[in-house]
């Protein structure tokens, strides 16, 4: 069966020769194709291989070790998606679509930033239960003025490559959704800014212009993200082979392993180990290379 390995990072001819030897030693034959070009700051190369006789778990483990040792992403995909065929792409928001954890930013406004950020980091590393930590952290925000939320959103940076990725996916008719353990107030604005199709996130309870420390409705945790992905794919009548999930935390692992292409973006160590496709050296636009696109094609469609 045809699989692919994508290299992202500081690539030079010497390393490509070394990697070619690594492939040959494992009986993997394939020509390495450069997807990036001279004007790109980061190089991307991809090789198609026949892995039908190999242990895919072992190959993925070896490639992750190479990634950690060299600082170059070595991303294995057991099959390739077709970017030109509409599919479903779902994304975590905090630290995936945006470069922040919204709960932590609200905690800064409440004067308890360090207290909450430590709990957030532990939950994202999978050390403590997400739902339990969510309820505890949110309770500490009781009494915070809702008027600070606009300022919080305006200071948050969006992830590199988000605009490029969304333009290309929408050009080819993909259904894009935010599945976030954060809050609808922020996710709705990200959705509107990039024309994404739908949002599922947690709803803050606000009374008298203050956060009550409680939420409304179901908490969007890892199990719910997986269920939401399944529901969207069913509703859109999309082939599972045409599904993408992207996130960075432990609460994203279920959906990352459920989708055909599960990208762990700048992820925590546990997530890098357990997710199918860990990627550190590019932003969200790196997903387009995993779909086999070249830099020239990406620039043309995102202009």
C-alpha atoms as a PDB file:
ATOM      1  CA  UNK A   1       0.000   0.000   0.000  1.00  0.00           C
ATOM      2  CA  UNK A   2       1.307   3.441  -0.878  1.00  0.00           C
ATOM      3  CA  UNK A   3       2.294   5.531   2.129  1.00  0.00           C
ATOM      4  CA  UNK A   4       4.245   8.758   2.455  1.00  0.00           C
ATOM      5  CA  UNK A   5       6.921  10.295   4.644  1.00  0.00           C
ATOM      6  CA  UNK A   6       7.207  14.076   4.728  1.00  0.00           C
ATOM      7  CA  UNK A   7      10.341  15.848   5.958  1.00  0.00           C
ATOM      8  CA  UNK A   8      10.007  19.434   7.212  1.00  0.00           C
ATOM      9  CA  UNK A   9      12.958  21.446   8.472  1.00  0.00           C
ATOM     10  CA  UNK A  10      16.533  22.354   7.586  1.00  0.00           C
ATOM     11  CA  UNK A  11      17.106  19.919   4.763  1.00  0.00           C
ATOM     12  CA  UNK A  12      20.339  19.739   2.796  1.00  0.00           C
ATOM     13  CA  UNK A  13      21.577  17.262   0.159  1.00  0.00           C
ATOM     14  CA  UNK A  14      23.725  15.453   2.736  1.00  0.00           C
ATOM     15  CA  UNK A  15      20.778  14.770   5.019  1.00  0.00           C
ATOM     16  CA  UNK A  16      18.547  13.714   2.135  1.00  0.00           C
ATOM     17  CA  UNK A  17      21.225  11.209   1.083  1.00  0.00           C
ATOM     18  CA  UNK A  18      21.406   9.939   4.664  1.00  0.00           C
ATOM     19  CA  UNK A  19      17.643   9.584   4.831  1.00  0.00           C
ATOM     20  CA  UNK A  20      17.618   7.795   1.488  1.00  0.00           C
ATOM     21  CA  UNK A  21      20.042   5.266   2.962  1.00  0.00           C
ATOM     22  CA  UNK A  22      17.731   4.901   5.976  1.00  0.00           C
ATOM     23  CA  UNK A  23      14.852   4.089   3.605  1.00  0.00           C
ATOM     24  CA  UNK A  24      16.879   1.577   1.620  1.00  0.00           C
ATOM     25  CA  UNK A  25      17.998  -0.206   4.787  1.00  0.00           C
ATOM     26  CA  UNK A  26      14.332  -0.873   5.540  1.00  0.00           C
ATOM     27  CA  UNK A  27      13.411  -1.913   2.024  1.00  0.00           C
ATOM     28  CA  UNK A  28      11.537   1.298   1.339  1.00  0.00           C
ATOM     29  CA  UNK A  29      12.122   2.470  -2.202  1.00  0.00           C
ATOM     30  CA  UNK A  30      10.919   5.837  -3.415  1.00  0.00           C
ATOM     31  CA  UNK A  31      12.139   9.067  -4.977  1.00  0.00           C
ATOM     32  CA  UNK A  32      12.309  12.047  -2.624  1.00  0.00           C
ATOM     33  CA  UNK A  33      10.406  15.012  -4.108  1.00  0.00           C
ATOM     34  CA  UNK A  34      10.955  18.599  -2.960  1.00  0.00           C
ATOM     35  CA  UNK A  35       7.663  20.379  -2.267  1.00  0.00           C
ATOM     36  CA  UNK A  36       9.206  23.656  -1.144  1.00  0.00           C
ATOM     37  CA  UNK A  37      11.250  26.000  -3.315  1.00  0.00           C
ATOM     38  CA  UNK A  38      14.201  28.353  -3.000  1.00  0.00           C
ATOM     39  CA  UNK A  39      12.267  31.249  -1.464  1.00  0.00           C
ATOM     40  CA  UNK A  40      10.941  29.181   1.445  1.00  0.00           C
ATOM     41  CA  UNK A  41      12.624  29.592   4.826  1.00  0.00           C
ATOM     42  CA  UNK A  42      11.825  25.991   5.731  1.00  0.00           C
ATOM     43  CA  UNK A  43      12.331  23.070   3.353  1.00  0.00           C
ATOM     44  CA  UNK A  44       9.772  20.338   2.733  1.00  0.00           C
ATOM     45  CA  UNK A  45      10.348  17.042   0.954  1.00  0.00           C
ATOM     46  CA  UNK A  46       8.110  14.015   0.500  1.00  0.00           C
ATOM     47  CA  UNK A  47       8.660  10.422  -0.526  1.00  0.00           C
ATOM     48  CA  UNK A  48       6.023   7.858  -1.485  1.00  0.00           C
ATOM     49  CA  UNK A  49       6.809   4.351  -0.241  1.00  0.00           C
ATOM     50  CA  UNK A  50       5.288   0.889  -0.288  1.00  0.00           C
ATOM     51  CA  UNK A  51       4.972  -0.114   3.369  1.00  0.00           C
ATOM     52  CA  UNK A  52       2.789  -3.182   2.856  1.00  0.00           C
ATOM     53  CA  UNK A  53       5.350  -5.554   4.367  1.00  0.00           C
ATOM     54  CA  UNK A  54       6.408  -3.349   7.291  1.00  0.00           C
ATOM     55  CA  UNK A  55       5.297  -2.797  10.871  1.00  0.00           C
ATOM     56  CA  UNK A  56       3.783   0.677  10.661  1.00  0.00           C
ATOM     57  CA  UNK A  57       3.915   1.227  14.413  1.00  0.00           C
ATOM     58  CA  UNK A  58       7.656   0.557  14.432  1.00  0.00           C
ATOM     59  CA  UNK A  59       8.244   2.840  11.442  1.00  0.00           C
ATOM     60  CA  UNK A  60       6.304   5.665  13.106  1.00  0.00           C
ATOM     61  CA  UNK A  61       8.299   5.180  16.318  1.00  0.00           C
ATOM     62  CA  UNK A  62      11.600   5.278  14.430  1.00  0.00           C
ATOM     63  CA  UNK A  63      10.564   8.411  12.551  1.00  0.00           C
ATOM     64  CA  UNK A  64       9.557  10.164  15.761  1.00  0.00           C
ATOM     65  CA  UNK A  65      12.971   9.336  17.199  1.00  0.00           C
ATOM     66  CA  UNK A  66      14.593  10.830  14.097  1.00  0.00           C
ATOM     67  CA  UNK A  67      12.430  13.930  14.485  1.00  0.00           C
ATOM     68  CA  UNK A  68      13.499  14.376  18.102  1.00  0.00           C
ATOM     69  CA  UNK A  69      17.174  13.746  17.320  1.00  0.00           C
ATOM     70  CA  UNK A  70      17.470  16.014  14.266  1.00  0.00           C
ATOM     71  CA  UNK A  71      14.845  18.712  14.826  1.00  0.00           C
ATOM     72  CA  UNK A  72      13.465  17.809  11.385  1.00  0.00           C
ATOM     73  CA  UNK A  73       9.857  16.626  11.246  1.00  0.00           C
ATOM     74  CA  UNK A  74       9.636  13.085   9.816  1.00  0.00           C
ATOM     75  CA  UNK A  75       5.897  12.598   9.312  1.00  0.00           C
ATOM     76  CA  UNK A  76       4.526   9.222   8.300  1.00  0.00           C
ATOM     77  CA  UNK A  77       1.120   8.814   6.648  1.00  0.00           C
ATOM     78  CA  UNK A  78      -0.255   5.365   5.897  1.00  0.00           C
ATOM     79  CA  UNK A  79      -2.359   6.792   3.062  1.00  0.00           C
ATOM     80  CA  UNK A  80      -2.801  10.068   1.202  1.00  0.00           C
ATOM     81  CA  UNK A  81      -5.864  12.288   1.103  1.00  0.00           C
ATOM     82  CA  UNK A  82      -7.025  14.067  -2.058  1.00  0.00           C
ATOM     83  CA  UNK A  83      -7.057  17.829  -1.445  1.00  0.00           C
ATOM     84  CA  UNK A  84      -9.226  18.335  -4.550  1.00  0.00           C
ATOM     85  CA  UNK A  85     -12.030  16.130  -3.194  1.00  0.00           C
ATOM     86  CA  UNK A  86     -14.137  17.951  -0.553  1.00  0.00           C
ATOM     87  CA  UNK A  87     -13.808  16.542   2.941  1.00  0.00           C
ATOM     88  CA  UNK A  88     -14.121  17.489   6.608  1.00  0.00           C
ATOM     89  CA  UNK A  89     -11.353  19.256   8.544  1.00  0.00           C
ATOM     90  CA  UNK A  90     -11.751  19.913  12.275  1.00  0.00           C
ATOM     91  CA  UNK A  91      -9.508  21.958  14.543  1.00  0.00           C
ATOM     92  CA  UNK A  92      -8.889  22.545  18.189  1.00  0.00           C
ATOM     93  CA  UNK A  93      -8.699  26.300  18.857  1.00  0.00           C
ATOM     94  CA  UNK A  94      -6.435  27.106  21.819  1.00  0.00           C
ATOM     95  CA  UNK A  95      -2.752  26.737  20.867  1.00  0.00           C
ATOM     96  CA  UNK A  96      -3.853  25.387  17.475  1.00  0.00           C
ATOM     97  CA  UNK A  97      -5.809  28.073  15.616  1.00  0.00           C
ATOM     98  CA  UNK A  98      -4.614  30.718  18.067  1.00  0.00           C
ATOM     99  CA  UNK A  99      -1.344  31.066  19.993  1.00  0.00           C
ATOM    100  CA  UNK A 100      -2.899  31.143  23.433  1.00  0.00           C
ATOM    101  CA  UNK A 101      -4.995  29.266  25.960  1.00  0.00           C
ATOM    102  CA  UNK A 102      -8.058  31.474  26.442  1.00  0.00           C
ATOM    103  CA  UNK A 103      -8.704  30.255  29.991  1.00  0.00           C
ATOM    104  CA  UNK A 104      -5.175  31.342  30.919  1.00  0.00           C
ATOM    105  CA  UNK A 105      -5.674  34.766  29.331  1.00  0.00           C
ATOM    106  CA  UNK A 106      -8.881  35.303  31.275  1.00  0.00           C
ATOM    107  CA  UNK A 107      -7.052  34.242  34.427  1.00  0.00           C
ATOM    108  CA  UNK A 108      -4.465  36.965  33.808  1.00  0.00           C
ATOM    109  CA  UNK A 109      -7.314  39.493  33.786  1.00  0.00           C
ATOM    110  CA  UNK A 110      -8.523  38.041  37.087  1.00  0.00           C
ATOM    111  CA  UNK A 111      -5.046  38.282  38.612  1.00  0.00           C
ATOM    112  CA  UNK A 112      -4.604  34.507  38.969  1.00  0.00           C
ATOM    113  CA  UNK A 113      -2.721  33.779  35.745  1.00  0.00           C
ATOM    114  CA  UNK A 114       0.046  31.585  37.130  1.00  0.00           C
ATOM    115  CA  UNK A 115      -2.331  29.576  39.283  1.00  0.00           C
ATOM    116  CA  UNK A 116      -4.556  28.610  36.367  1.00  0.00           C
ATOM    117  CA  UNK A 117      -1.885  28.255  33.659  1.00  0.00           C
ATOM    118  CA  UNK A 118      -0.129  25.548  35.673  1.00  0.00           C
ATOM    119  CA  UNK A 119      -3.353  23.528  35.823  1.00  0.00           C
ATOM    120  CA  UNK A 120      -4.031  24.114  32.117  1.00  0.00           C
ATOM    121  CA  UNK A 121      -0.569  22.869  31.154  1.00  0.00           C
ATOM    122  CA  UNK A 122      -1.017  19.750  33.281  1.00  0.00           C
ATOM    123  CA  UNK A 123      -4.374  19.002  31.662  1.00  0.00           C
ATOM    124  CA  UNK A 124      -2.983  19.469  28.147  1.00  0.00           C
ATOM    125  CA  UNK A 125      -0.137  17.078  28.975  1.00  0.00           C
ATOM    126  CA  UNK A 126      -2.730  14.502  29.994  1.00  0.00           C
ATOM    127  CA  UNK A 127      -1.658  14.436  33.633  1.00  0.00           C
ATOM    128  CA  UNK A 128      -5.075  15.341  35.051  1.00  0.00           C
ATOM    129  CA  UNK A 129      -8.648  14.924  33.820  1.00  0.00           C
ATOM    130  CA  UNK A 130      -9.667  17.667  31.400  1.00  0.00           C
ATOM    131  CA  UNK A 131     -13.281  18.013  32.571  1.00  0.00           C
ATOM    132  CA  UNK A 132     -12.330  18.150  36.234  1.00  0.00           C
ATOM    133  CA  UNK A 133      -9.632  20.743  35.592  1.00  0.00           C
ATOM    134  CA  UNK A 134     -11.979  22.755  33.363  1.00  0.00           C
ATOM    135  CA  UNK A 135     -14.640  23.011  36.052  1.00  0.00           C
ATOM    136  CA  UNK A 136     -12.097  23.916  38.734  1.00  0.00           C
ATOM    137  CA  UNK A 137     -10.359  26.575  36.639  1.00  0.00           C
ATOM    138  CA  UNK A 138     -13.615  28.127  35.472  1.00  0.00           C
ATOM    139  CA  UNK A 139     -14.901  28.390  39.046  1.00  0.00           C
ATOM    140  CA  UNK A 140     -11.883  30.545  39.897  1.00  0.00           C
ATOM    141  CA  UNK A 141     -13.011  33.099  37.284  1.00  0.00           C
ATOM    142  CA  UNK A 142     -16.262  33.826  39.106  1.00  0.00           C
ATOM    143  CA  UNK A 143     -16.872  37.574  39.259  1.00  0.00           C
ATOM    144  CA  UNK A 144     -14.603  38.503  36.335  1.00  0.00           C
ATOM    145  CA  UNK A 145     -16.139  41.264  34.217  1.00  0.00           C
ATOM    146  CA  UNK A 146     -17.243  40.034  30.795  1.00  0.00           C
ATOM    147  CA  UNK A 147     -16.100  43.364  29.376  1.00  0.00           C
ATOM    148  CA  UNK A 148     -12.474  42.166  29.413  1.00  0.00           C
ATOM    149  CA  UNK A 149     -13.126  39.470  26.813  1.00  0.00           C
ATOM    150  CA  UNK A 150     -12.989  41.766  23.811  1.00  0.00           C
ATOM    151  CA  UNK A 151      -9.563  43.028  24.834  1.00  0.00           C
ATOM    152  CA  UNK A 152      -8.363  39.466  25.449  1.00  0.00           C
ATOM    153  CA  UNK A 153      -9.383  38.406  21.946  1.00  0.00           C
ATOM    154  CA  UNK A 154      -7.759  41.427  20.325  1.00  0.00           C
ATOM    155  CA  UNK A 155      -4.365  40.718  21.901  1.00  0.00           C
ATOM    156  CA  UNK A 156      -4.296  37.027  20.979  1.00  0.00           C
ATOM    157  CA  UNK A 157      -2.105  36.106  18.007  1.00  0.00           C
ATOM    158  CA  UNK A 158      -3.471  33.675  15.453  1.00  0.00           C
ATOM    159  CA  UNK A 159      -1.469  30.634  14.421  1.00  0.00           C
ATOM    160  CA  UNK A 160       0.939  30.994  11.509  1.00  0.00           C
ATOM    161  CA  UNK A 161      -0.539  29.736   8.265  1.00  0.00           C
ATOM    162  CA  UNK A 162      -4.182  29.798   9.365  1.00  0.00           C
ATOM    163  CA  UNK A 163      -5.342  32.120   6.580  1.00  0.00           C
ATOM    164  CA  UNK A 164      -3.462  30.159   3.901  1.00  0.00           C
ATOM    165  CA  UNK A 165      -4.832  26.812   5.044  1.00  0.00           C
ATOM    166  CA  UNK A 166      -8.438  27.991   5.217  1.00  0.00           C
ATOM    167  CA  UNK A 167      -8.286  29.677   1.812  1.00  0.00           C
ATOM    168  CA  UNK A 168      -7.047  26.501   0.150  1.00  0.00           C
ATOM    169  CA  UNK A 169      -9.439  24.142   1.970  1.00  0.00           C
ATOM    170  CA  UNK A 170     -12.400  26.363   1.180  1.00  0.00           C
ATOM    171  CA  UNK A 171     -11.263  26.707  -2.441  1.00  0.00           C
ATOM    172  CA  UNK A 172     -11.700  22.956  -2.770  1.00  0.00           C
ATOM    173  CA  UNK A 173     -15.005  22.890  -0.892  1.00  0.00           C
ATOM    174  CA  UNK A 174     -13.889  21.418   2.435  1.00  0.00           C
ATOM    175  CA  UNK A 175     -16.173  21.630   5.466  1.00  0.00           C
ATOM    176  CA  UNK A 176     -14.157  23.227   8.301  1.00  0.00           C
ATOM    177  CA  UNK A 177     -15.112  23.170  11.979  1.00  0.00           C
ATOM    178  CA  UNK A 178     -13.748  24.346  15.318  1.00  0.00           C
ATOM    179  CA  UNK A 179     -14.030  21.736  18.076  1.00  0.00           C
ATOM    180  CA  UNK A 180     -12.767  23.580  21.115  1.00  0.00           C
ATOM    181  CA  UNK A 181     -12.450  23.043  24.833  1.00  0.00           C
ATOM    182  CA  UNK A 182     -12.335  26.845  24.970  1.00  0.00           C
ATOM    183  CA  UNK A 183     -15.254  29.231  24.703  1.00  0.00           C
ATOM    184  CA  UNK A 184     -17.753  30.142  21.992  1.00  0.00           C
ATOM    185  CA  UNK A 185     -17.158  33.889  22.469  1.00  0.00           C
ATOM    186  CA  UNK A 186     -13.657  33.451  21.054  1.00  0.00           C
ATOM    187  CA  UNK A 187     -14.283  30.518  18.705  1.00  0.00           C
ATOM    188  CA  UNK A 188     -17.170  32.321  17.009  1.00  0.00           C
ATOM    189  CA  UNK A 189     -14.865  35.224  16.175  1.00  0.00           C
ATOM    190  CA  UNK A 190     -12.177  32.942  14.756  1.00  0.00           C
ATOM    191  CA  UNK A 191     -14.830  31.197  12.670  1.00  0.00           C
ATOM    192  CA  UNK A 192     -16.114  34.495  11.287  1.00  0.00           C
ATOM    193  CA  UNK A 193     -12.642  35.828  10.510  1.00  0.00           C
ATOM    194  CA  UNK A 194     -11.683  32.828   8.359  1.00  0.00           C
ATOM    195  CA  UNK A 195     -15.075  31.754   7.008  1.00  0.00           C
ATOM    196  CA  UNK A 196     -15.060  28.414   8.787  1.00  0.00           C
ATOM    197  CA  UNK A 197     -18.241  26.361   8.556  1.00  0.00           C
ATOM    198  CA  UNK A 198     -19.214  25.657  12.162  1.00  0.00           C
ATOM    199  CA  UNK A 199     -18.185  25.909  15.818  1.00  0.00           C
ATOM    200  CA  UNK A 200     -18.573  23.646  18.835  1.00  0.00           C
ATOM    201  CA  UNK A 201     -17.153  25.069  22.063  1.00  0.00           C
ATOM    202  CA  UNK A 202     -18.070  25.736  25.680  1.00  0.00           C
ATOM    203  CA  UNK A 203     -20.569  28.450  26.570  1.00  0.00           C
ATOM    204  CA  UNK A 204     -19.703  30.786  29.427  1.00  0.00           C
ATOM    205  CA  UNK A 205     -22.512  31.648  31.814  1.00  0.00           C
ATOM    206  CA  UNK A 206     -22.615  35.432  32.236  1.00  0.00           C
ATOM    207  CA  UNK A 207     -24.940  37.334  34.569  1.00  0.00           C
ATOM    208  CA  UNK A 208     -24.930  41.072  35.220  1.00  0.00           C
ATOM    209  CA  UNK A 209     -21.874  41.395  32.959  1.00  0.00           C
ATOM    210  CA  UNK A 210     -19.854  39.009  35.110  1.00  0.00           C
ATOM    211  CA  UNK A 211     -18.685  35.440  34.680  1.00  0.00           C
ATOM    212  CA  UNK A 212     -20.486  33.173  37.130  1.00  0.00           C
ATOM    213  CA  UNK A 213     -17.705  30.592  37.153  1.00  0.00           C
ATOM    214  CA  UNK A 214     -20.013  28.117  35.426  1.00  0.00           C
ATOM    215  CA  UNK A 215     -20.711  26.922  31.880  1.00  0.00           C
ATOM    216  CA  UNK A 216     -23.885  26.144  29.966  1.00  0.00           C
ATOM    217  CA  UNK A 217     -24.460  22.822  28.183  1.00  0.00           C
ATOM    218  CA  UNK A 218     -22.080  19.945  27.557  1.00  0.00           C
ATOM    219  CA  UNK A 219     -18.332  20.366  28.060  1.00  0.00           C
ATOM    220  CA  UNK A 220     -16.363  19.825  24.862  1.00  0.00           C
ATOM    221  CA  UNK A 221     -13.781  17.302  26.051  1.00  0.00           C
ATOM    222  CA  UNK A 222     -11.867  14.638  24.132  1.00  0.00           C
ATOM    223  CA  UNK A 223     -14.771  12.190  23.901  1.00  0.00           C
ATOM    224  CA  UNK A 224     -17.121  14.901  22.680  1.00  0.00           C
ATOM    225  CA  UNK A 225     -14.638  16.096  20.058  1.00  0.00           C
ATOM    226  CA  UNK A 226     -14.487  12.573  18.643  1.00  0.00           C
ATOM    227  CA  UNK A 227     -18.298  12.342  18.665  1.00  0.00           C
ATOM    228  CA  UNK A 228     -18.676  15.740  17.004  1.00  0.00           C
ATOM    229  CA  UNK A 229     -16.208  14.744  14.281  1.00  0.00           C
ATOM    230  CA  UNK A 230     -18.185  11.553  13.665  1.00  0.00           C
ATOM    231  CA  UNK A 231     -21.484  13.452  13.525  1.00  0.00           C
ATOM    232  CA  UNK A 232     -20.126  16.032  11.084  1.00  0.00           C
ATOM    233  CA  UNK A 233     -18.694  13.373   8.768  1.00  0.00           C
ATOM    234  CA  UNK A 234     -22.018  11.513   8.820  1.00  0.00           C
ATOM    235  CA  UNK A 235     -24.064  14.651   8.211  1.00  0.00           C
ATOM    236  CA  UNK A 236     -21.820  15.791   5.362  1.00  0.00           C
ATOM    237  CA  UNK A 237     -21.783  12.263   3.894  1.00  0.00           C
ATOM    238  CA  UNK A 238     -18.005  12.409   3.495  1.00  0.00           C
ATOM    239  CA  UNK A 239     -15.682   9.442   3.016  1.00  0.00           C
ATOM    240  CA  UNK A 240     -13.625   8.929   6.200  1.00  0.00           C
ATOM    241  CA  UNK A 241     -10.536   8.868   3.995  1.00  0.00           C
ATOM    242  CA  UNK A 242     -11.175  12.595   3.446  1.00  0.00           C
ATOM    243  CA  UNK A 243     -11.003  13.698   7.090  1.00  0.00           C
ATOM    244  CA  UNK A 244      -8.462  15.877   8.872  1.00  0.00           C
ATOM    245  CA  UNK A 245      -8.149  16.647  12.583  1.00  0.00           C
ATOM    246  CA  UNK A 246      -5.598  19.031  14.093  1.00  0.00           C
ATOM    247  CA  UNK A 247      -4.846  19.807  17.729  1.00  0.00           C
ATOM    248  CA  UNK A 248      -2.091  19.985  20.324  1.00  0.00           C
ATOM    249  CA  UNK A 249      -3.376  18.665  23.654  1.00  0.00           C
ATOM    250  CA  UNK A 250      -4.180  15.355  25.286  1.00  0.00           C
ATOM    251  CA  UNK A 251      -7.890  16.124  24.906  1.00  0.00           C
ATOM    252  CA  UNK A 252      -7.361  16.101  21.112  1.00  0.00           C
ATOM    253  CA  UNK A 253      -5.877  12.609  20.873  1.00  0.00           C
ATOM    254  CA  UNK A 254      -9.155  10.773  20.283  1.00  0.00           C
ATOM    255  CA  UNK A 255     -10.096  12.904  17.283  1.00  0.00           C
ATOM    256  CA  UNK A 256      -6.522  12.918  15.958  1.00  0.00           C
ATOM    257  CA  UNK A 257      -6.464   9.131  15.914  1.00  0.00           C
ATOM    258  CA  UNK A 258     -10.004   8.936  14.512  1.00  0.00           C
ATOM    259  CA  UNK A 259      -9.420  11.086  11.414  1.00  0.00           C
ATOM    260  CA  UNK A 260      -7.593   9.884   8.294  1.00  0.00           C
ATOM    261  CA  UNK A 261      -4.989  12.624   8.853  1.00  0.00           C
ATOM    262  CA  UNK A 262      -4.426  13.518  12.502  1.00  0.00           C
ATOM    263  CA  UNK A 263      -1.932  16.364  12.871  1.00  0.00           C
ATOM    264  CA  UNK A 264      -0.479  17.171  16.295  1.00  0.00           C
ATOM    265  CA  UNK A 265       0.690  20.774  15.866  1.00  0.00           C
ATOM    266  CA  UNK A 266       3.470  21.978  18.215  1.00  0.00           C
ATOM    267  CA  UNK A 267       2.124  19.354  20.582  1.00  0.00           C
ATOM    268  CA  UNK A 268       3.001  18.304  24.106  1.00  0.00           C
ATOM    269  CA  UNK A 269       5.385  15.294  24.403  1.00  0.00           C
ATOM    270  CA  UNK A 270       2.644  12.791  25.246  1.00  0.00           C
ATOM    271  CA  UNK A 271       0.613  13.923  22.244  1.00  0.00           C
ATOM    272  CA  UNK A 272       3.632  13.771  19.913  1.00  0.00           C
ATOM    273  CA  UNK A 273       4.157  10.170  20.991  1.00  0.00           C
ATOM    274  CA  UNK A 274       0.544   9.065  20.583  1.00  0.00           C
ATOM    275  CA  UNK A 275      -0.749  11.136  17.643  1.00  0.00           C
ATOM    276  CA  UNK A 276      -0.323   9.929  14.040  1.00  0.00           C
ATOM    277  CA  UNK A 277       1.381  12.999  12.558  1.00  0.00           C
ATOM    278  CA  UNK A 278       3.340  15.296  14.903  1.00  0.00           C
ATOM    279  CA  UNK A 279       4.498  18.515  13.197  1.00  0.00           C
ATOM    280  CA  UNK A 280       6.654  21.196  14.834  1.00  0.00           C
ATOM    281  CA  UNK A 281       8.432  23.163  12.116  1.00  0.00           C
ATOM    282  CA  UNK A 282       5.553  24.878  10.322  1.00  0.00           C
ATOM    283  CA  UNK A 283       2.233  26.435  11.179  1.00  0.00           C
ATOM    284  CA  UNK A 284      -1.167  25.314   9.981  1.00  0.00           C
ATOM    285  CA  UNK A 285      -0.175  25.712   6.330  1.00  0.00           C
ATOM    286  CA  UNK A 286       2.125  22.719   6.858  1.00  0.00           C
ATOM    287  CA  UNK A 287      -0.975  20.534   6.559  1.00  0.00           C
ATOM    288  CA  UNK A 288      -1.128  21.425   2.874  1.00  0.00           C
ATOM    289  CA  UNK A 289       2.285  19.822   2.301  1.00  0.00           C
ATOM    290  CA  UNK A 290       1.023  16.666   4.006  1.00  0.00           C
ATOM    291  CA  UNK A 291      -1.691  16.705   1.335  1.00  0.00           C
ATOM    292  CA  UNK A 292       1.011  16.681  -1.342  1.00  0.00           C
ATOM    293  CA  UNK A 293       0.831  20.325  -2.409  1.00  0.00           C
ATOM    294  CA  UNK A 294       3.896  22.302  -3.470  1.00  0.00           C
ATOM    295  CA  UNK A 295       4.796  25.812  -2.325  1.00  0.00           C
ATOM    296  CA  UNK A 296       3.982  27.151  -5.792  1.00  0.00           C
ATOM    297  CA  UNK A 297       0.519  25.605  -5.723  1.00  0.00           C
ATOM    298  CA  UNK A 298      -0.139  26.895  -2.211  1.00  0.00           C
ATOM    299  CA  UNK A 299       0.904  30.448  -3.093  1.00  0.00           C
ATOM    300  CA  UNK A 300      -1.260  30.449  -6.211  1.00  0.00           C
ATOM    301  CA  UNK A 301      -4.417  29.408  -4.357  1.00  0.00           C
ATOM    302  CA  UNK A 302      -3.878  31.557  -1.262  1.00  0.00           C
ATOM    303  CA  UNK A 303      -3.009  34.784  -3.079  1.00  0.00           C
END
